[in-house]
């Protein structure tokens, strides 16, 4: 069993924005977890950019 990868908001935003390093986040995604506060930050940033709920 592989260990979980803990994502923070910047890692997930990096992936969603296709920024440098997003490949590493994509590789970790199948075993990744993210805390509620970090997820809330990602949702907040996406909402600021006009994405609907």
C-alpha atoms as a PDB file:
ATOM      1  CA  UNK A   1       0.000   0.000   0.000  1.00  0.00           C
ATOM      2  CA  UNK A   2       1.406   3.378  -0.949  1.00  0.00           C
ATOM      3  CA  UNK A   3       1.394   6.289   1.446  1.00  0.00           C
ATOM      4  CA  UNK A   4      -1.088   9.111   1.044  1.00  0.00           C
ATOM      5  CA  UNK A   5       0.113  12.395  -0.374  1.00  0.00           C
ATOM      6  CA  UNK A   6      -1.132  15.444   1.514  1.00  0.00           C
ATOM      7  CA  UNK A   7      -1.928  18.340  -0.811  1.00  0.00           C
ATOM      8  CA  UNK A   8      -2.081  21.967   0.155  1.00  0.00           C
ATOM      9  CA  UNK A   9      -4.035  24.629  -1.715  1.00  0.00           C
ATOM     10  CA  UNK A  10      -1.068  25.789  -3.767  1.00  0.00           C
ATOM     11  CA  UNK A  11      -0.397  22.280  -5.076  1.00  0.00           C
ATOM     12  CA  UNK A  12      -3.974  21.783  -6.208  1.00  0.00           C
ATOM     13  CA  UNK A  13      -4.126  25.252  -7.759  1.00  0.00           C
ATOM     14  CA  UNK A  14      -0.845  24.524  -9.551  1.00  0.00           C
ATOM     15  CA  UNK A  15      -2.453  21.456 -11.109  1.00  0.00           C
ATOM     16  CA  UNK A  16      -5.680  23.240 -12.019  1.00  0.00           C
ATOM     17  CA  UNK A  17      -3.752  26.114 -13.602  1.00  0.00           C
ATOM     18  CA  UNK A  18      -1.340  23.852 -15.501  1.00  0.00           C
ATOM     19  CA  UNK A  19       1.667  25.480 -13.873  1.00  0.00           C
ATOM     20  CA  UNK A  20       5.194  24.152 -13.634  1.00  0.00           C
ATOM     21  CA  UNK A  21       5.276  21.177 -11.282  1.00  0.00           C
ATOM     22  CA  UNK A  22       1.700  20.141 -12.020  1.00  0.00           C
ATOM     23  CA  UNK A  23       2.974  16.806 -13.363  1.00  0.00           C
ATOM     24  CA  UNK A  24       4.180  15.868  -9.889  1.00  0.00           C
ATOM     25  CA  UNK A  25       0.812  16.746  -8.381  1.00  0.00           C
ATOM     26  CA  UNK A  26      -0.969  14.732 -11.071  1.00  0.00           C
ATOM     27  CA  UNK A  27       1.187  11.682 -10.262  1.00  0.00           C
ATOM     28  CA  UNK A  28       0.286  11.947  -6.564  1.00  0.00           C
ATOM     29  CA  UNK A  29      -3.423  12.631  -7.126  1.00  0.00           C
ATOM     30  CA  UNK A  30      -4.689   9.009  -6.973  1.00  0.00           C
ATOM     31  CA  UNK A  31      -3.392   8.694  -3.402  1.00  0.00           C
ATOM     32  CA  UNK A  32      -3.874  12.314  -2.348  1.00  0.00           C
ATOM     33  CA  UNK A  33      -5.843  13.851   0.477  1.00  0.00           C
ATOM     34  CA  UNK A  34      -6.513  17.516   1.204  1.00  0.00           C
ATOM     35  CA  UNK A  35      -7.672  19.192   4.385  1.00  0.00           C
ATOM     36  CA  UNK A  36     -10.922  21.123   4.599  1.00  0.00           C
ATOM     37  CA  UNK A  37      -9.190  24.486   5.064  1.00  0.00           C
ATOM     38  CA  UNK A  38      -7.013  23.964   1.995  1.00  0.00           C
ATOM     39  CA  UNK A  39      -9.964  22.794  -0.070  1.00  0.00           C
ATOM     40  CA  UNK A  40     -11.944  25.850   1.033  1.00  0.00           C
ATOM     41  CA  UNK A  41      -9.066  28.066  -0.113  1.00  0.00           C
ATOM     42  CA  UNK A  42      -9.043  26.394  -3.540  1.00  0.00           C
ATOM     43  CA  UNK A  43     -12.806  26.812  -3.907  1.00  0.00           C
ATOM     44  CA  UNK A  44     -12.518  30.449  -2.828  1.00  0.00           C
ATOM     45  CA  UNK A  45      -9.818  31.159  -5.433  1.00  0.00           C
ATOM     46  CA  UNK A  46     -11.827  29.460  -8.157  1.00  0.00           C
ATOM     47  CA  UNK A  47     -14.943  31.428  -7.195  1.00  0.00           C
ATOM     48  CA  UNK A  48     -12.909  34.674  -7.390  1.00  0.00           C
ATOM     49  CA  UNK A  49     -12.085  33.698 -10.976  1.00  0.00           C
ATOM     50  CA  UNK A  50     -15.763  33.286 -11.812  1.00  0.00           C
ATOM     51  CA  UNK A  51     -16.297  29.545 -11.605  1.00  0.00           C
ATOM     52  CA  UNK A  52     -19.771  28.602 -10.438  1.00  0.00           C
ATOM     53  CA  UNK A  53     -20.422  26.342  -7.491  1.00  0.00           C
END
